[in-house]
Amino acid sequence: MDLDLAQRLHRPAQSKILWLVLDGLGGLPHPDTGKSELETARTPNLDALASQSALGLTMPVGYGVTPGSGPGHLALFGYDPLQFDIGRGVLEATGIGFQLGPNDVAARGNFCTLDAAGRISDRRAARIPTQQSAAIVERLRAITIDGLDLFVEPVREHRFVLVLRAPGLSDQITETDPQAEGVAPLLSQPQHPDAARTAAAVNDFVAQASALICDEALANGLVLRGFATIPSLPQMSDVWGLNAASCAIYPMYRGLARLAGMIAIPAGDTIDDQIASLGEHWSQHDYFFCHYKYTDSAGEDGDFDAKVQRLQDFDAALPAFRALDPDVLVISGDHSTPAIMAAHSWHPVPFLLHSATTRHRLGAAFTEADCGQGLLGTFPAKESLPIAMAHAGRLAKYGA
């Protein structure tokens, strides 16, 4: 829906929307069984809900386009991800509460493991504990580069944020992360003449950092991606009239929700913590975005069985989410991460919407196949929020 039209049509109501996002939800069949992760998992609660809900498949960005987590979530929040492109660095920085300014360029950093030849053998440094990563970040804070300020902040596990601050910096530079193993990290290159200084500063930082951490057993290298400056994003309160809250454990998703105008409520460290927090804040907001990361982590690790288990863990928690009694309950994903690919993919994503006004098909299960035959069909993910708003009674009639 056009955001100007959304601003014209939204109307107040007492209804509540609960949006559960299973990161990397969609999958592909295992070659030995012919069943996807969703088809393999024992999910009686999801399947029972599916038979009482409207089902479909969403296209996060477009046909054949493999989305990052940022565009995938922006679409679910009602934004056209082709119009609003937010870099990963900004999302990570905002997620940890770092106040970006107009002279800042932020990047998402990964500690990685390099072999004796300087090639990446593990892009995520075995997902080292956050405490260990924070200690390494502290060493990197000794780095200085003439003419600009540097900020290095820990995020979670192997992730960190790098912020470069000086007038005239540009985010039009290439990443140092090849997003592949068996190859060496890349040098950053300017994509515009005005970005040469920024690319040189990034390469200087990487060289100094490499000398400082080369003795680490696992995190002896680093890669940077998602260079970005702070964007201007229409707020959900203005566009949709929602008093929105986010409940996300991982900082990047809190950051994205904060940029969209959501209030971040405590998420703790487990899905039980998230459920408890939603209950404590239920009376204070009318829209809740709750993020579940672990399906994506298992998919990216190429661990089919682990993704199946994570889906079963979520299914076990579903009755507690339903006990909150939202008027509209949505279960969706930001993109597909099939374990057999060990990466994000372009495949459509399962989508479920439950409310008192949905049409449904008895006997349906929450799988890629049944969602593909659902009454909602395959549709752009950016249209999912308008559909939820309509079922929540929050959109007025258009025209006479």
Protein backbone atom coordinates (compact mmCIF):
# COMPACT_ATOMS: atom_id res chain seq x y z
CA MET A 1 0.00 0.00 0.00
CA ASP A 2 1.19 3.50 -0.76
CA LEU A 3 2.25 5.14 2.51
CA ASP A 4 0.32 8.32 1.75
CA LEU A 5 -2.82 6.23 1.28
CA ALA A 6 -2.12 4.37 4.52
CA GLN A 7 -1.84 7.68 6.33
CA ARG A 8 -5.22 8.73 4.91
CA LEU A 9 -7.01 5.47 5.67
CA HIS A 10 -5.76 4.43 9.10
CA ARG A 11 -8.23 4.88 11.92
CA PRO A 12 -8.11 4.34 15.68
CA ALA A 13 -9.33 1.10 17.20
CA GLN A 14 -8.86 -0.91 20.37
CA SER A 15 -7.64 -4.00 18.51
CA LYS A 16 -4.18 -5.49 19.00
CA ILE A 17 -1.85 -7.03 16.43
CA LEU A 18 0.83 -9.55 17.40
CA TRP A 19 3.42 -10.22 14.69
CA LEU A 20 5.73 -13.19 15.22
CA VAL A 21 8.66 -13.26 12.80
CA LEU A 22 10.58 -16.52 12.49
CA ASP A 23 13.80 -15.38 10.86
CA GLY A 24 14.75 -17.42 7.80
CA LEU A 25 11.48 -19.36 8.07
CA GLY A 26 11.22 -20.89 4.60
CA GLY A 27 13.13 -24.01 3.61
CA LEU A 28 13.66 -26.62 0.93
CA PRO A 29 13.27 -30.43 0.91
CA HIS A 30 16.04 -32.54 2.36
CA PRO A 31 17.48 -34.72 -0.43
CA ASP A 32 17.06 -37.90 1.64
CA THR A 33 13.45 -37.35 2.70
CA GLY A 34 11.90 -34.97 0.19
CA LYS A 35 10.53 -32.91 3.10
CA SER A 36 11.38 -29.35 4.10
CA GLU A 37 12.21 -28.33 7.64
CA LEU A 38 8.60 -27.26 8.25
CA GLU A 39 7.29 -30.51 6.80
CA THR A 40 9.72 -32.53 8.92
CA ALA A 41 9.12 -30.74 12.22
CA ARG A 42 6.40 -31.89 14.62
CA THR A 43 4.36 -28.70 14.95
CA PRO A 44 0.86 -29.60 16.16
CA ASN A 45 0.12 -26.10 17.45
CA LEU A 46 1.16 -24.35 14.24
CA ASP A 47 -0.75 -26.86 12.13
CA ALA A 48 -3.91 -26.50 14.21
CA LEU A 49 -3.70 -22.73 13.90
CA ALA A 50 -3.06 -22.97 10.16
CA SER A 51 -6.33 -24.84 9.63
CA GLN A 52 -8.14 -21.85 11.18
CA SER A 53 -6.15 -19.09 9.46
CA ALA A 54 -5.56 -17.43 6.13
CA LEU A 55 -2.36 -18.74 4.52
CA GLY A 56 -0.12 -17.53 1.73
CA LEU A 57 3.44 -16.95 0.62
CA THR A 58 5.21 -13.60 0.65
CA MET A 59 7.85 -12.22 -1.70
CA PRO A 60 10.14 -10.08 0.50
CA VAL A 61 11.59 -7.92 -2.30
CA GLY A 62 10.77 -9.40 -5.71
CA TYR A 63 10.83 -12.57 -7.74
CA GLY A 64 14.30 -14.06 -7.84
CA VAL A 65 15.71 -11.49 -5.39
CA THR A 66 17.53 -12.87 -2.34
CA PRO A 67 16.86 -10.40 0.50
CA GLY A 68 18.96 -9.43 3.45
CA SER A 69 17.35 -9.27 6.87
CA GLY A 70 16.92 -5.50 6.66
CA PRO A 71 14.85 -5.42 3.47
CA GLY A 72 12.96 -8.52 4.57
CA HIS A 73 11.82 -6.90 7.79
CA LEU A 74 11.15 -3.49 6.25
CA ALA A 75 8.69 -5.14 3.89
CA LEU A 76 6.87 -6.76 6.82
CA PHE A 77 6.65 -3.32 8.46
CA GLY A 78 4.87 -1.98 5.37
CA TYR A 79 7.78 -0.26 3.62
CA ASP A 80 8.83 -0.85 0.04
CA PRO A 81 12.35 -2.25 0.51
CA LEU A 82 13.36 -0.97 -2.93
CA GLN A 83 12.46 2.56 -1.89
CA PHE A 84 13.81 2.42 1.66
CA ASP A 85 17.24 0.82 1.74
CA ILE A 86 18.88 0.80 5.17
CA GLY A 87 22.42 -0.50 5.52
CA ARG A 88 23.28 -3.25 7.97
CA GLY A 89 25.77 -1.04 9.81
CA VAL A 90 23.07 1.46 10.76
CA LEU A 91 20.79 -1.35 11.93
CA GLU A 92 23.48 -2.85 14.15
CA ALA A 93 24.52 0.51 15.60
CA THR A 94 20.96 1.62 16.29
CA GLY A 95 20.16 -1.77 17.78
CA ILE A 96 22.75 -1.36 20.54
CA GLY A 97 21.60 2.20 21.21
CA PHE A 98 24.52 3.96 19.52
CA GLN A 99 23.48 7.50 18.60
CA LEU A 100 24.52 8.00 15.00
CA GLY A 101 25.11 11.52 13.75
CA PRO A 102 25.14 13.17 10.32
CA ASN A 103 28.92 12.70 9.94
CA ASP A 104 28.90 8.98 10.75
CA VAL A 105 29.39 5.92 8.57
CA ALA A 106 28.56 2.65 10.33
CA ALA A 107 29.50 -0.91 9.40
CA ARG A 108 28.55 -4.35 10.66
CA GLY A 109 31.65 -6.28 11.65
CA ASN A 110 32.20 -10.02 11.99
CA PHE A 111 35.16 -11.58 13.69
CA CYS A 112 36.26 -14.51 11.56
CA THR A 113 38.83 -17.30 11.59
CA LEU A 114 41.70 -17.11 9.10
CA ASP A 115 43.88 -20.06 8.14
CA ALA A 116 47.67 -19.92 7.78
CA ALA A 117 47.30 -18.59 4.23
CA GLY A 118 45.02 -15.75 5.32
CA ARG A 119 41.86 -17.33 3.91
CA ILE A 120 38.58 -17.35 5.82
CA SER A 121 37.89 -20.78 7.30
CA ASP A 122 34.93 -19.70 9.48
CA ARG A 123 33.03 -16.48 8.70
CA ARG A 124 31.61 -16.33 12.23
CA ALA A 125 34.63 -17.41 14.32
CA ALA A 126 32.61 -20.34 15.72
CA ARG A 127 30.12 -17.78 17.09
CA ILE A 128 32.47 -16.92 19.96
CA PRO A 129 30.76 -15.88 23.22
CA THR A 130 29.77 -12.22 23.53
CA GLN A 131 32.07 -11.75 26.54
CA GLN A 132 35.08 -12.94 24.56
CA SER A 133 34.14 -10.77 21.59
CA ALA A 134 33.78 -7.72 23.84
CA ALA A 135 37.31 -8.24 25.16
CA ILE A 136 38.67 -8.26 21.62
CA VAL A 137 36.70 -5.12 20.79
CA GLU A 138 38.36 -3.41 23.74
CA ARG A 139 41.75 -4.05 22.14
CA LEU A 140 40.55 -2.56 18.85
CA ARG A 141 39.66 0.70 20.57
CA ALA A 142 43.37 1.50 20.67
CA ILE A 143 43.34 2.05 16.88
CA THR A 144 43.66 5.65 15.69
CA ILE A 145 43.37 7.18 12.23
CA ASP A 146 44.32 10.79 11.56
CA GLY A 147 41.45 13.12 10.76
CA LEU A 148 38.55 11.07 12.07
CA ASP A 149 37.05 9.52 15.18
CA LEU A 150 36.61 5.77 15.51
CA PHE A 151 34.10 3.87 17.62
CA VAL A 152 34.16 0.09 17.98
CA GLU A 153 31.29 -1.47 19.93
CA PRO A 154 30.46 -5.12 20.73
CA VAL A 155 27.07 -6.42 19.61
CA ARG A 156 26.51 -10.13 20.24
CA GLU A 157 28.65 -13.23 19.76
CA HIS A 158 31.02 -12.61 16.82
CA ARG A 159 29.37 -9.34 15.76
CA PHE A 160 30.56 -5.80 16.39
CA VAL A 161 29.93 -2.30 15.06
CA LEU A 162 32.47 0.07 13.55
CA VAL A 163 31.57 3.76 13.26
CA LEU A 164 33.77 6.27 11.45
CA ARG A 165 33.05 9.93 12.19
CA ALA A 166 34.28 12.95 10.24
CA PRO A 167 32.81 15.52 7.85
CA GLY A 168 32.75 14.39 4.23
CA LEU A 169 32.76 10.61 4.74
CA SER A 170 30.80 8.43 2.32
CA ASP A 171 29.10 5.05 2.50
CA GLN A 172 29.72 4.46 -1.21
CA ILE A 173 32.48 1.92 -0.63
CA THR A 174 32.71 -1.83 -1.14
CA GLU A 175 32.63 -4.38 1.66
CA THR A 176 35.63 -6.33 2.94
CA ASP A 177 33.45 -9.39 3.56
CA PRO A 178 33.46 -11.77 0.56
CA GLN A 179 30.59 -13.65 2.27
CA ALA A 180 32.33 -16.90 1.43
CA GLU A 181 34.89 -19.20 3.01
CA GLY A 182 38.13 -20.36 1.44
CA VAL A 183 39.01 -16.87 0.22
CA ALA A 184 40.78 -13.91 1.82
CA PRO A 185 39.01 -10.78 3.11
CA LEU A 186 38.74 -8.04 0.52
CA LEU A 187 40.12 -4.52 0.42
CA SER A 188 37.48 -1.81 0.44
CA GLN A 189 37.23 0.17 -2.79
CA PRO A 190 35.56 3.55 -3.41
CA GLN A 191 32.49 3.43 -5.62
CA HIS A 192 32.60 7.20 -6.10
CA PRO A 193 35.56 9.63 -6.17
CA ASP A 194 34.29 11.30 -2.98
CA ALA A 195 34.52 7.95 -1.14
CA ALA A 196 38.26 7.38 -1.61
CA ARG A 197 39.11 8.80 1.82
CA THR A 198 36.57 6.56 3.54
CA ALA A 199 37.77 3.41 1.79
CA ALA A 200 41.38 4.23 2.72
CA ALA A 201 40.35 4.74 6.37
CA VAL A 202 38.54 1.38 6.42
CA ASN A 203 41.56 -0.42 5.00
CA ASP A 204 43.81 1.33 7.53
CA PHE A 205 41.53 0.20 10.35
CA VAL A 206 41.51 -3.40 9.09
CA ALA A 207 45.32 -3.47 8.80
CA GLN A 208 45.80 -2.18 12.35
CA ALA A 209 43.11 -4.51 13.70
CA SER A 210 44.65 -7.53 11.99
CA ALA A 211 47.97 -6.87 13.72
CA LEU A 212 46.23 -6.62 17.09
CA ILE A 213 44.19 -9.84 16.90
CA CYS A 214 46.35 -12.15 14.79
CA ASP A 215 47.23 -14.19 17.89
CA GLU A 216 43.58 -15.08 18.65
CA ALA A 217 42.73 -18.76 18.27
CA LEU A 218 39.35 -18.26 16.60
CA ALA A 219 38.79 -14.52 16.04
CA ASN A 220 42.10 -13.77 14.35
CA GLY A 221 40.53 -11.80 11.51
CA LEU A 222 37.58 -9.54 10.77
CA VAL A 223 35.34 -8.54 7.88
CA LEU A 224 33.12 -5.49 7.42
CA ARG A 225 29.91 -5.02 5.48
CA GLY A 226 26.79 -2.90 5.30
CA PHE A 227 28.47 0.53 5.28
CA ALA A 228 25.68 3.05 5.74
CA THR A 229 24.67 6.48 6.95
CA ILE A 230 21.61 7.29 9.04
CA PRO A 231 18.40 7.30 6.92
CA SER A 232 15.11 9.12 7.26
CA LEU A 233 12.27 6.61 7.62
CA PRO A 234 8.55 7.51 7.93
CA GLN A 235 7.38 6.50 11.37
CA MET A 236 4.77 3.78 11.88
CA SER A 237 2.82 6.02 14.24
CA ASP A 238 2.40 8.63 11.49
CA VAL A 239 1.81 6.26 8.58
CA TRP A 240 -0.31 3.58 10.25
CA GLY A 241 -1.46 5.26 13.46
CA LEU A 242 0.06 2.46 15.52
CA ASN A 243 1.57 2.60 18.97
CA ALA A 244 4.10 -0.08 18.09
CA ALA A 245 6.54 -2.05 20.22
CA SER A 246 9.32 -4.49 19.39
CA CYS A 247 10.50 -7.48 21.41
CA ALA A 248 13.74 -8.66 19.81
CA ILE A 249 16.72 -10.31 21.48
CA TYR A 250 19.26 -9.52 18.76
CA PRO A 251 20.33 -5.85 18.49
CA MET A 252 20.03 -5.52 14.73
CA TYR A 253 16.29 -6.20 14.81
CA ARG A 254 15.76 -3.83 17.72
CA GLY A 255 17.61 -1.23 15.66
CA LEU A 256 15.45 -1.72 12.60
CA ALA A 257 12.28 -1.55 14.68
CA ARG A 258 13.52 1.60 16.43
CA LEU A 259 14.17 3.29 13.08
CA ALA A 260 10.57 2.52 12.11
CA GLY A 261 9.38 4.21 15.30
CA MET A 262 8.75 1.21 17.55
CA ILE A 263 9.40 1.27 21.27
CA ALA A 264 11.85 -1.47 22.28
CA ILE A 265 10.56 -3.46 25.25
CA PRO A 266 12.86 -5.85 27.15
CA ALA A 267 13.35 -9.18 25.40
CA GLY A 268 15.67 -11.02 27.79
CA ASP A 269 17.57 -13.99 26.41
CA THR A 270 14.92 -16.65 25.71
CA ILE A 271 11.54 -17.02 24.08
CA ASP A 272 10.02 -17.42 27.55
CA ASP A 273 11.48 -14.03 28.48
CA GLN A 274 9.90 -12.53 25.37
CA ILE A 275 6.49 -13.97 26.19
CA ALA A 276 6.70 -12.62 29.74
CA SER A 277 7.69 -9.17 28.49
CA LEU A 278 4.84 -9.09 25.98
CA GLY A 279 2.43 -9.86 28.79
CA GLU A 280 3.85 -7.12 31.00
CA HIS A 281 3.54 -4.49 28.25
CA TRP A 282 0.37 -5.77 26.58
CA SER A 283 -1.83 -2.89 27.76
CA GLN A 284 0.63 -0.21 26.61
CA HIS A 285 0.75 -0.86 22.85
CA ASP A 286 -1.51 -2.00 20.02
CA TYR A 287 1.10 -3.60 17.73
CA PHE A 288 3.87 -5.96 18.83
CA PHE A 289 6.71 -7.26 16.65
CA CYS A 290 8.39 -10.27 18.24
CA HIS A 291 11.50 -11.70 16.59
CA TYR A 292 12.72 -15.32 16.72
CA LYS A 293 16.27 -15.62 15.37
CA TYR A 294 17.16 -19.27 15.79
CA THR A 295 15.53 -20.71 12.67
CA ASP A 296 17.79 -18.48 10.61
CA SER A 297 20.95 -19.29 12.58
CA ALA A 298 20.43 -23.02 12.08
CA GLY A 299 19.67 -22.52 8.39
CA GLU A 300 22.80 -20.45 7.83
CA ASP A 301 24.84 -23.12 9.59
CA GLY A 302 23.45 -25.68 7.16
CA ASP A 303 22.07 -27.70 10.08
CA PHE A 304 18.77 -29.16 8.88
CA ASP A 305 18.06 -31.05 12.11
CA ALA A 306 18.78 -27.99 14.25
CA LYS A 307 16.35 -25.88 12.23
CA VAL A 308 13.71 -28.58 12.64
CA GLN A 309 14.30 -28.51 16.39
CA ARG A 310 14.07 -24.71 16.51
CA LEU A 311 10.72 -24.87 14.73
CA GLN A 312 9.52 -27.42 17.28
CA ASP A 313 10.73 -25.18 20.12
CA PHE A 314 8.71 -22.30 18.69
CA ASP A 315 5.67 -24.53 18.27
CA ALA A 316 5.84 -25.49 21.94
CA ALA A 317 5.78 -21.79 22.87
CA LEU A 318 2.90 -20.88 20.55
CA PRO A 319 0.08 -21.54 23.08
CA ALA A 320 1.61 -18.95 25.42
CA PHE A 321 1.64 -16.38 22.61
CA ARG A 322 -1.97 -17.19 21.77
CA ALA A 323 -2.94 -16.79 25.43
CA LEU A 324 -2.28 -13.07 25.02
CA ASP A 325 -5.43 -13.14 22.85
CA PRO A 326 -4.46 -10.71 20.07
CA ASP A 327 -7.19 -9.66 17.65
CA VAL A 328 -4.80 -10.37 14.78
CA LEU A 329 -1.98 -12.89 15.00
CA VAL A 330 0.54 -13.05 12.17
CA ILE A 331 3.29 -15.65 11.84
CA SER A 332 5.73 -14.98 9.04
CA GLY A 333 9.39 -14.77 8.08
CA ASP A 334 11.63 -12.08 6.67
CA HIS A 335 13.13 -14.44 4.08
CA SER A 336 13.85 -18.11 3.49
CA THR A 337 17.06 -19.73 4.74
CA PRO A 338 17.03 -23.36 3.52
CA ALA A 339 19.47 -25.47 5.51
CA ILE A 340 20.50 -27.34 2.37
CA MET A 341 21.73 -23.99 0.96
CA ALA A 342 23.17 -22.68 4.26
CA ALA A 343 22.25 -19.17 3.12
CA HIS A 344 19.39 -16.75 2.51
CA SER A 345 17.44 -17.55 -0.65
CA TRP A 346 14.90 -16.03 -3.04
CA HIS A 347 12.14 -18.54 -2.27
CA PRO A 348 8.73 -17.24 -1.11
CA VAL A 349 8.12 -17.28 2.63
CA PRO A 350 5.22 -18.99 4.50
CA PHE A 351 2.66 -16.57 5.91
CA LEU A 352 -0.21 -17.09 8.37
CA LEU A 353 -2.82 -14.60 9.55
CA HIS A 354 -5.39 -15.47 12.20
CA SER A 355 -8.32 -13.26 13.13
CA ALA A 356 -12.09 -13.45 13.51
CA THR A 357 -12.54 -12.33 9.89
CA THR A 358 -10.18 -14.63 7.97
CA ARG A 359 -11.22 -17.19 5.41
CA HIS A 360 -9.49 -20.50 5.98
CA ARG A 361 -9.19 -24.07 4.72
CA LEU A 362 -9.73 -26.88 7.21
CA GLY A 363 -7.00 -29.48 7.26
CA ALA A 364 -4.26 -27.11 6.13
CA ALA A 365 -0.88 -27.32 7.83
CA PHE A 366 1.79 -24.67 8.25
CA THR A 367 4.11 -25.79 5.47
CA GLU A 368 5.46 -24.23 2.29
CA ALA A 369 3.15 -26.41 0.19
CA ASP A 370 -0.04 -25.61 2.08
CA CYS A 371 0.81 -21.91 2.31
CA GLY A 372 1.37 -21.98 -1.45
CA GLN A 373 -2.21 -23.24 -1.84
CA GLY A 374 -3.56 -20.75 0.69
CA LEU A 375 -6.33 -18.27 -0.01
CA LEU A 376 -3.96 -15.30 0.18
CA GLY A 377 -1.85 -16.63 -2.68
CA THR A 378 1.67 -15.34 -3.27
CA PHE A 379 1.92 -11.60 -2.67
CA PRO A 380 4.50 -8.87 -1.92
CA ALA A 381 5.52 -8.86 1.74
CA LYS A 382 5.03 -5.08 1.87
CA GLU A 383 1.28 -5.73 1.52
CA SER A 384 1.10 -7.95 4.60
CA LEU A 385 0.74 -5.08 7.09
CA PRO A 386 -2.21 -3.53 5.20
CA ILE A 387 -3.88 -6.95 5.24
CA ALA A 388 -3.34 -7.24 9.00
CA MET A 389 -4.56 -3.67 9.54
CA ALA A 390 -7.76 -4.43 7.64
CA HIS A 391 -8.43 -7.53 9.74
CA ALA A 392 -7.80 -5.44 12.86
CA GLY A 393 -10.48 -2.94 11.77
CA ARG A 394 -7.92 -0.18 11.43
CA LEU A 395 -8.42 0.90 7.82
CA ALA A 396 -11.33 3.07 6.69
CA LYS A 397 -13.22 2.57 3.43
CA TYR A 398 -11.59 4.10 0.37
CA GLY A 399 -13.87 6.34 -1.67
CA ALA A 400 -17.60 6.91 -1.61
